[in-house]
């Protein structure tokens, strides 16, 4: 199968590319570093020539609802337009568990993305997953102020990025199925505790301060709204096992 991966150099995308190639698929990675701009559409149609399936794991780092919605709406429409032009047969989007419980910030952007996919002209699959284990060091990097880390109060059920990638490649092989079962990790955790574990592993003495995020997004984080419902798919690797693999 000929696949293209939007965001193929990111946390999940690099695994998608590697796993798909290991399974014998021909894979094109779509990123600015490889001459493709999802926002402007530059290079998209040329890169998708002959591609059967597009897996979209692209993303943007922002807390702004407007910027998130603009990014995901624009990039998804550009992808779908190019896919239709080259007659691609399957569009797969990675989304986030629980986003319909908090329509602001990044979650609003992902809802807009899902809506564009559902109403597009290319047969589709949507997989929602929880945050990846890599979300913990990203949180530390983004919220450190001097000797402190301001960690949002959040119940999470982190999943291995590689396992998400495996699920996406399997979805590509199975063909369009609409909204598939959500995917979460094997254990519910408090984000602040995971941050502390990561800091201890890296011998970092920063003080962890648990901070309630205001608004609907913060409430969703604290209530556990971003946890998969019963019957969802469950990953294998715990955060603790993942942490053991980090140097």
C-alpha atoms as a PDB file:
ATOM      1  CA  UNK A   1       0.000   0.000   0.000  1.00  0.00           C
ATOM      2  CA  UNK A   2       1.161   3.560  -0.724  1.00  0.00           C
ATOM      3  CA  UNK A   3       0.740   5.732   2.383  1.00  0.00           C
ATOM      4  CA  UNK A   4       1.476   9.333   3.291  1.00  0.00           C
ATOM      5  CA  UNK A   5       1.903  10.510   6.871  1.00  0.00           C
ATOM      6  CA  UNK A   6       1.128  14.151   7.670  1.00  0.00           C
ATOM      7  CA  UNK A   7       3.369  15.097  10.563  1.00  0.00           C
ATOM      8  CA  UNK A   8       5.653  12.165   9.829  1.00  0.00           C
ATOM      9  CA  UNK A   9       8.554  13.564  11.856  1.00  0.00           C
ATOM     10  CA  UNK A  10       6.569  14.067  15.095  1.00  0.00           C
ATOM     11  CA  UNK A  11       6.200  11.992  18.264  1.00  0.00           C
ATOM     12  CA  UNK A  12       3.702   9.575  16.703  1.00  0.00           C
ATOM     13  CA  UNK A  13       4.424  10.207  13.046  1.00  0.00           C
ATOM     14  CA  UNK A  14       7.969   8.856  13.140  1.00  0.00           C
ATOM     15  CA  UNK A  15       6.640   5.581  14.571  1.00  0.00           C
ATOM     16  CA  UNK A  16       3.895   5.417  11.954  1.00  0.00           C
ATOM     17  CA  UNK A  17       6.461   5.823   9.177  1.00  0.00           C
ATOM     18  CA  UNK A  18       8.787   3.199  10.670  1.00  0.00           C
ATOM     19  CA  UNK A  19       6.075   0.616  11.425  1.00  0.00           C
ATOM     20  CA  UNK A  20       4.393   1.014   8.034  1.00  0.00           C
ATOM     21  CA  UNK A  21       7.712   0.563   6.212  1.00  0.00           C
ATOM     22  CA  UNK A  22       8.541  -2.486   8.334  1.00  0.00           C
ATOM     23  CA  UNK A  23       5.219  -3.989   7.196  1.00  0.00           C
ATOM     24  CA  UNK A  24       6.146  -3.516   3.576  1.00  0.00           C
ATOM     25  CA  UNK A  25       4.197  -0.360   2.773  1.00  0.00           C
ATOM     26  CA  UNK A  26       5.589   2.493   0.686  1.00  0.00           C
ATOM     27  CA  UNK A  27       5.507   5.618   2.853  1.00  0.00           C
ATOM     28  CA  UNK A  28       5.844   9.321   2.130  1.00  0.00           C
ATOM     29  CA  UNK A  29       6.328  11.672   5.077  1.00  0.00           C
ATOM     30  CA  UNK A  30       4.625  15.066   4.762  1.00  0.00           C
ATOM     31  CA  UNK A  31       6.351  17.861   6.677  1.00  0.00           C
ATOM     32  CA  UNK A  32       7.907  21.252   6.032  1.00  0.00           C
ATOM     33  CA  UNK A  33      11.379  19.758   6.360  1.00  0.00           C
ATOM     34  CA  UNK A  34      10.450  17.512   3.448  1.00  0.00           C
ATOM     35  CA  UNK A  35       9.071  20.286   1.250  1.00  0.00           C
ATOM     36  CA  UNK A  36       5.367  20.053   2.107  1.00  0.00           C
ATOM     37  CA  UNK A  37       3.437  22.798   3.900  1.00  0.00           C
ATOM     38  CA  UNK A  38       0.085  21.605   5.243  1.00  0.00           C
ATOM     39  CA  UNK A  39      -1.062  25.148   6.077  1.00  0.00           C
ATOM     40  CA  UNK A  40      -0.492  26.668   2.628  1.00  0.00           C
ATOM     41  CA  UNK A  41      -0.921  23.423   0.719  1.00  0.00           C
ATOM     42  CA  UNK A  42       2.465  23.846  -0.948  1.00  0.00           C
ATOM     43  CA  UNK A  43       3.744  20.569  -2.382  1.00  0.00           C
ATOM     44  CA  UNK A  44       0.749  18.527  -1.191  1.00  0.00           C
ATOM     45  CA  UNK A  45      -0.717  17.388  -4.484  1.00  0.00           C
ATOM     46  CA  UNK A  46       2.683  16.438  -5.852  1.00  0.00           C
ATOM     47  CA  UNK A  47       3.562  14.475  -2.690  1.00  0.00           C
ATOM     48  CA  UNK A  48       0.267  12.566  -2.766  1.00  0.00           C
ATOM     49  CA  UNK A  49       0.513  11.297  -6.334  1.00  0.00           C
ATOM     50  CA  UNK A  50      -0.198   7.564  -6.252  1.00  0.00           C
ATOM     51  CA  UNK A  51      -0.992   7.559  -2.499  1.00  0.00           C
ATOM     52  CA  UNK A  52      -3.852   5.294  -1.407  1.00  0.00           C
ATOM     53  CA  UNK A  53      -4.101   6.306   2.269  1.00  0.00           C
ATOM     54  CA  UNK A  54      -3.215   9.429   4.256  1.00  0.00           C
ATOM     55  CA  UNK A  55      -2.620   9.232   8.017  1.00  0.00           C
ATOM     56  CA  UNK A  56      -2.829  12.665   9.630  1.00  0.00           C
ATOM     57  CA  UNK A  57      -0.931  12.988  12.918  1.00  0.00           C
ATOM     58  CA  UNK A  58       0.033  16.631  12.423  1.00  0.00           C
ATOM     59  CA  UNK A  59      -0.384  19.067  15.289  1.00  0.00           C
ATOM     60  CA  UNK A  60       0.134  22.552  16.639  1.00  0.00           C
ATOM     61  CA  UNK A  61       1.231  23.748  20.075  1.00  0.00           C
ATOM     62  CA  UNK A  62      -1.170  26.443  21.227  1.00  0.00           C
ATOM     63  CA  UNK A  63      -3.666  27.206  23.979  1.00  0.00           C
ATOM     64  CA  UNK A  64      -5.581  29.570  21.695  1.00  0.00           C
ATOM     65  CA  UNK A  65      -8.934  28.249  20.520  1.00  0.00           C
ATOM     66  CA  UNK A  66      -8.840  30.418  17.396  1.00  0.00           C
ATOM     67  CA  UNK A  67      -5.340  29.312  16.376  1.00  0.00           C
ATOM     68  CA  UNK A  68      -6.144  25.650  16.999  1.00  0.00           C
ATOM     69  CA  UNK A  69      -9.382  25.753  15.013  1.00  0.00           C
ATOM     70  CA  UNK A  70      -7.740  27.676  12.165  1.00  0.00           C
ATOM     71  CA  UNK A  71      -4.824  25.236  11.976  1.00  0.00           C
ATOM     72  CA  UNK A  72      -6.794  21.994  11.995  1.00  0.00           C
ATOM     73  CA  UNK A  73      -9.551  23.301   9.715  1.00  0.00           C
ATOM     74  CA  UNK A  74      -7.071  24.635   7.158  1.00  0.00           C
ATOM     75  CA  UNK A  75      -4.700  21.668   7.138  1.00  0.00           C
ATOM     76  CA  UNK A  76      -7.489  19.099   6.994  1.00  0.00           C
ATOM     77  CA  UNK A  77      -9.249  20.836   4.123  1.00  0.00           C
ATOM     78  CA  UNK A  78      -5.963  21.143   2.235  1.00  0.00           C
ATOM     79  CA  UNK A  79      -5.243  17.456   2.736  1.00  0.00           C
ATOM     80  CA  UNK A  80      -8.720  16.348   1.695  1.00  0.00           C
ATOM     81  CA  UNK A  81      -8.720  18.586  -1.380  1.00  0.00           C
ATOM     82  CA  UNK A  82      -5.383  17.178  -2.519  1.00  0.00           C
ATOM     83  CA  UNK A  83      -6.470  13.611  -1.721  1.00  0.00           C
ATOM     84  CA  UNK A  84      -9.631  13.983  -3.774  1.00  0.00           C
ATOM     85  CA  UNK A  85      -7.630  15.390  -6.678  1.00  0.00           C
ATOM     86  CA  UNK A  86      -5.282  12.393  -6.761  1.00  0.00           C
ATOM     87  CA  UNK A  87      -8.094   9.914  -5.933  1.00  0.00           C
ATOM     88  CA  UNK A  88      -6.789   8.712  -2.577  1.00  0.00           C
ATOM     89  CA  UNK A  89      -9.182   6.224  -0.993  1.00  0.00           C
ATOM     90  CA  UNK A  90      -8.758   6.614   2.769  1.00  0.00           C
ATOM     91  CA  UNK A  91      -8.093   9.469   5.200  1.00  0.00           C
ATOM     92  CA  UNK A  92      -7.189   8.629   8.812  1.00  0.00           C
ATOM     93  CA  UNK A  93      -7.113  11.286  11.535  1.00  0.00           C
ATOM     94  CA  UNK A  94      -5.666  10.959  15.027  1.00  0.00           C
ATOM     95  CA  UNK A  95      -7.753  12.817  17.598  1.00  0.00           C
ATOM     96  CA  UNK A  96      -7.954  13.065  21.413  1.00  0.00           C
ATOM     97  CA  UNK A  97     -10.183  11.215  23.885  1.00  0.00           C
ATOM     98  CA  UNK A  98     -12.812  13.381  25.558  1.00  0.00           C
ATOM     99  CA  UNK A  99     -12.508  16.486  23.405  1.00  0.00           C
ATOM    100  CA  UNK A 100     -16.274  16.881  23.166  1.00  0.00           C
ATOM    101  CA  UNK A 101     -16.318  17.514  26.940  1.00  0.00           C
ATOM    102  CA  UNK A 102     -14.323  20.741  26.547  1.00  0.00           C
ATOM    103  CA  UNK A 103     -14.768  22.815  23.407  1.00  0.00           C
ATOM    104  CA  UNK A 104     -11.847  25.193  23.871  1.00  0.00           C
ATOM    105  CA  UNK A 105      -8.156  25.417  23.046  1.00  0.00           C
ATOM    106  CA  UNK A 106      -6.602  22.437  21.312  1.00  0.00           C
ATOM    107  CA  UNK A 107      -9.735  20.345  21.893  1.00  0.00           C
ATOM    108  CA  UNK A 108     -11.830  22.778  19.880  1.00  0.00           C
ATOM    109  CA  UNK A 109      -9.321  22.483  17.074  1.00  0.00           C
ATOM    110  CA  UNK A 110      -9.491  18.695  17.099  1.00  0.00           C
ATOM    111  CA  UNK A 111     -13.307  18.797  17.042  1.00  0.00           C
ATOM    112  CA  UNK A 112     -13.121  21.071  14.008  1.00  0.00           C
ATOM    113  CA  UNK A 113     -10.730  18.602  12.404  1.00  0.00           C
ATOM    114  CA  UNK A 114     -13.084  15.683  13.036  1.00  0.00           C
ATOM    115  CA  UNK A 115     -15.999  17.655  11.593  1.00  0.00           C
ATOM    116  CA  UNK A 116     -14.040  18.455   8.435  1.00  0.00           C
ATOM    117  CA  UNK A 117     -13.082  14.802   8.006  1.00  0.00           C
ATOM    118  CA  UNK A 118     -16.649  13.561   8.505  1.00  0.00           C
ATOM    119  CA  UNK A 119     -18.029  16.015   5.950  1.00  0.00           C
ATOM    120  CA  UNK A 120     -15.203  15.604   3.450  1.00  0.00           C
ATOM    121  CA  UNK A 121     -15.236  13.693   0.168  1.00  0.00           C
ATOM    122  CA  UNK A 122     -12.696  11.025   1.151  1.00  0.00           C
ATOM    123  CA  UNK A 123     -13.709   7.844   3.065  1.00  0.00           C
ATOM    124  CA  UNK A 124     -12.368   8.141   6.589  1.00  0.00           C
ATOM    125  CA  UNK A 125     -11.364   6.685   9.925  1.00  0.00           C
ATOM    126  CA  UNK A 126     -10.957   8.631  13.179  1.00  0.00           C
ATOM    127  CA  UNK A 127      -8.999   7.240  16.137  1.00  0.00           C
ATOM    128  CA  UNK A 128      -9.049   9.089  19.444  1.00  0.00           C
ATOM    129  CA  UNK A 129      -6.235   8.385  21.909  1.00  0.00           C
ATOM    130  CA  UNK A 130      -5.215   9.696  25.308  1.00  0.00           C
ATOM    131  CA  UNK A 131      -2.030  11.698  25.867  1.00  0.00           C
ATOM    132  CA  UNK A 132       1.243   9.934  25.110  1.00  0.00           C
ATOM    133  CA  UNK A 133       3.926   9.173  27.700  1.00  0.00           C
ATOM    134  CA  UNK A 134       5.993  11.870  25.975  1.00  0.00           C
ATOM    135  CA  UNK A 135       3.383  14.397  27.166  1.00  0.00           C
ATOM    136  CA  UNK A 136       5.123  14.413  30.568  1.00  0.00           C
ATOM    137  CA  UNK A 137       8.520  15.800  29.464  1.00  0.00           C
ATOM    138  CA  UNK A 138       6.682  18.169  27.126  1.00  0.00           C
ATOM    139  CA  UNK A 139       4.721  19.475  30.125  1.00  0.00           C
ATOM    140  CA  UNK A 140       7.923  19.985  32.095  1.00  0.00           C
ATOM    141  CA  UNK A 141       9.512  21.877  29.231  1.00  0.00           C
ATOM    142  CA  UNK A 142       6.453  24.073  28.676  1.00  0.00           C
ATOM    143  CA  UNK A 143       5.559  24.905  32.296  1.00  0.00           C
ATOM    144  CA  UNK A 144       8.910  25.230  34.080  1.00  0.00           C
ATOM    145  CA  UNK A 145       9.526  28.587  35.721  1.00  0.00           C
ATOM    146  CA  UNK A 146      12.903  28.756  37.429  1.00  0.00           C
ATOM    147  CA  UNK A 147      13.072  25.992  40.050  1.00  0.00           C
ATOM    148  CA  UNK A 148       9.357  25.123  39.726  1.00  0.00           C
ATOM    149  CA  UNK A 149       7.164  23.159  37.342  1.00  0.00           C
ATOM    150  CA  UNK A 150       3.547  24.343  37.245  1.00  0.00           C
ATOM    151  CA  UNK A 151       1.659  21.154  36.422  1.00  0.00           C
ATOM    152  CA  UNK A 152      -2.064  21.251  35.525  1.00  0.00           C
ATOM    153  CA  UNK A 153      -4.289  19.218  37.831  1.00  0.00           C
ATOM    154  CA  UNK A 154      -5.198  16.377  35.544  1.00  0.00           C
ATOM    155  CA  UNK A 155      -6.306  12.762  35.624  1.00  0.00           C
ATOM    156  CA  UNK A 156      -4.730  11.001  32.683  1.00  0.00           C
ATOM    157  CA  UNK A 157      -4.330   7.508  31.259  1.00  0.00           C
ATOM    158  CA  UNK A 158      -1.205   7.851  29.116  1.00  0.00           C
ATOM    159  CA  UNK A 159      -0.471   5.514  26.236  1.00  0.00           C
ATOM    160  CA  UNK A 160       2.710   4.658  24.362  1.00  0.00           C
ATOM    161  CA  UNK A 161       3.099   6.692  21.171  1.00  0.00           C
ATOM    162  CA  UNK A 162       4.334   3.573  19.402  1.00  0.00           C
ATOM    163  CA  UNK A 163       1.128   1.704  20.292  1.00  0.00           C
ATOM    164  CA  UNK A 164      -0.939   4.561  18.880  1.00  0.00           C
ATOM    165  CA  UNK A 165       1.129   4.361  15.711  1.00  0.00           C
ATOM    166  CA  UNK A 166       0.532   0.610  15.495  1.00  0.00           C
ATOM    167  CA  UNK A 167      -3.228   1.198  15.765  1.00  0.00           C
ATOM    168  CA  UNK A 168      -3.102   3.811  12.989  1.00  0.00           C
ATOM    169  CA  UNK A 169      -1.217   1.534  10.617  1.00  0.00           C
ATOM    170  CA  UNK A 170      -3.666  -1.286  11.362  1.00  0.00           C
ATOM    171  CA  UNK A 171      -6.530   1.115  10.614  1.00  0.00           C
ATOM    172  CA  UNK A 172      -4.917   1.892   7.270  1.00  0.00           C
ATOM    173  CA  UNK A 173      -4.678  -1.796   6.453  1.00  0.00           C
ATOM    174  CA  UNK A 174      -8.327  -2.419   7.386  1.00  0.00           C
ATOM    175  CA  UNK A 175      -9.796   0.390   5.292  1.00  0.00           C
ATOM    176  CA  UNK A 176     -12.293   3.146   6.177  1.00  0.00           C
ATOM    177  CA  UNK A 177     -14.339   2.370   9.325  1.00  0.00           C
ATOM    178  CA  UNK A 178     -15.542   5.753  10.598  1.00  0.00           C
ATOM    179  CA  UNK A 179     -15.031   6.412  14.304  1.00  0.00           C
ATOM    180  CA  UNK A 180     -13.182   3.437  15.840  1.00  0.00           C
ATOM    181  CA  UNK A 181     -12.770   2.525  19.523  1.00  0.00           C
ATOM    182  CA  UNK A 182     -10.820   5.021  21.619  1.00  0.00           C
ATOM    183  CA  UNK A 183      -7.325   4.004  22.742  1.00  0.00           C
ATOM    184  CA  UNK A 184      -5.892   4.683  26.200  1.00  0.00           C
ATOM    185  CA  UNK A 185      -3.045   3.434  28.338  1.00  0.00           C
ATOM    186  CA  UNK A 186      -3.299   0.663  30.935  1.00  0.00           C
ATOM    187  CA  UNK A 187      -3.406   2.833  34.097  1.00  0.00           C
ATOM    188  CA  UNK A 188      -5.109   5.971  35.369  1.00  0.00           C
ATOM    189  CA  UNK A 189      -2.609   8.445  36.757  1.00  0.00           C
ATOM    190  CA  UNK A 190      -2.317  11.932  38.196  1.00  0.00           C
ATOM    191  CA  UNK A 191      -0.217  14.047  35.845  1.00  0.00           C
ATOM    192  CA  UNK A 192       1.659  15.697  38.730  1.00  0.00           C
ATOM    193  CA  UNK A 193       2.811  12.302  40.039  1.00  0.00           C
ATOM    194  CA  UNK A 194       4.075  11.312  36.604  1.00  0.00           C
ATOM    195  CA  UNK A 195       6.010  14.577  36.412  1.00  0.00           C
ATOM    196  CA  UNK A 196       7.587  13.860  39.803  1.00  0.00           C
ATOM    197  CA  UNK A 197       8.588  10.363  38.667  1.00  0.00           C
ATOM    198  CA  UNK A 198      10.156  11.748  35.509  1.00  0.00           C
ATOM    199  CA  UNK A 199      12.078  14.395  37.441  1.00  0.00           C
ATOM    200  CA  UNK A 200      13.378  11.803  39.907  1.00  0.00           C
ATOM    201  CA  UNK A 201      14.505   9.589  37.030  1.00  0.00           C
ATOM    202  CA  UNK A 202      16.393  12.484  35.467  1.00  0.00           C
ATOM    203  CA  UNK A 203      17.763  13.619  38.883  1.00  0.00           C
ATOM    204  CA  UNK A 204      16.092  16.988  38.488  1.00  0.00           C
ATOM    205  CA  UNK A 205      15.207  18.733  41.767  1.00  0.00           C
ATOM    206  CA  UNK A 206      12.533  21.087  40.414  1.00  0.00           C
ATOM    207  CA  UNK A 207       9.543  21.619  42.703  1.00  0.00           C
ATOM    208  CA  UNK A 208       6.236  20.359  41.269  1.00  0.00           C
ATOM    209  CA  UNK A 209       3.303  22.701  41.893  1.00  0.00           C
ATOM    210  CA  UNK A 210      -0.133  21.300  41.032  1.00  0.00           C
ATOM    211  CA  UNK A 211      -2.185  24.097  39.443  1.00  0.00           C
ATOM    212  CA  UNK A 212      -5.906  23.999  38.510  1.00  0.00           C
ATOM    213  CA  UNK A 213      -6.389  25.184  34.927  1.00  0.00           C
ATOM    214  CA  UNK A 214      -9.319  27.627  34.659  1.00  0.00           C
ATOM    215  CA  UNK A 215     -12.309  27.198  32.376  1.00  0.00           C
ATOM    216  CA  UNK A 216     -13.951  24.216  30.738  1.00  0.00           C
ATOM    217  CA  UNK A 217     -10.672  22.619  29.715  1.00  0.00           C
ATOM    218  CA  UNK A 218      -9.364  22.658  33.281  1.00  0.00           C
ATOM    219  CA  UNK A 219     -12.589  21.181  34.618  1.00  0.00           C
ATOM    220  CA  UNK A 220     -12.405  18.380  32.066  1.00  0.00           C
ATOM    221  CA  UNK A 221      -8.823  17.636  33.115  1.00  0.00           C
ATOM    222  CA  UNK A 222      -9.689  17.482  36.821  1.00  0.00           C
ATOM    223  CA  UNK A 223     -12.908  15.453  36.421  1.00  0.00           C
ATOM    224  CA  UNK A 224     -11.278  12.751  34.359  1.00  0.00           C
ATOM    225  CA  UNK A 225     -13.262  13.588  31.230  1.00  0.00           C
ATOM    226  CA  UNK A 226     -10.201  12.810  29.111  1.00  0.00           C
ATOM    227  CA  UNK A 227     -10.219   9.165  30.215  1.00  0.00           C
ATOM    228  CA  UNK A 228     -11.535   6.523  27.793  1.00  0.00           C
ATOM    229  CA  UNK A 229     -14.963   5.048  28.455  1.00  0.00           C
ATOM    230  CA  UNK A 230     -15.540   1.382  29.215  1.00  0.00           C
ATOM    231  CA  UNK A 231     -15.048  -0.796  26.164  1.00  0.00           C
ATOM    232  CA  UNK A 232     -12.227   1.301  24.739  1.00  0.00           C
ATOM    233  CA  UNK A 233      -8.995  -0.254  23.503  1.00  0.00           C
ATOM    234  CA  UNK A 234      -6.228  -0.439  26.129  1.00  0.00           C
ATOM    235  CA  UNK A 235      -2.499  -0.178  25.492  1.00  0.00           C
ATOM    236  CA  UNK A 236       0.129  -2.416  27.058  1.00  0.00           C
ATOM    237  CA  UNK A 237       3.006  -0.216  28.194  1.00  0.00           C
ATOM    238  CA  UNK A 238       2.607   1.712  31.463  1.00  0.00           C
ATOM    239  CA  UNK A 239       4.260   5.068  31.987  1.00  0.00           C
ATOM    240  CA  UNK A 240       6.605   3.468  34.517  1.00  0.00           C
ATOM    241  CA  UNK A 241       7.759   0.862  31.978  1.00  0.00           C
ATOM    242  CA  UNK A 242       8.237   3.589  29.368  1.00  0.00           C
ATOM    243  CA  UNK A 243      10.252   5.651  31.842  1.00  0.00           C
ATOM    244  CA  UNK A 244      12.639   2.733  32.343  1.00  0.00           C
ATOM    245  CA  UNK A 245      13.521   2.959  28.656  1.00  0.00           C
ATOM    246  CA  UNK A 246      14.502   6.630  28.887  1.00  0.00           C
ATOM    247  CA  UNK A 247      18.160   7.549  29.376  1.00  0.00           C
END
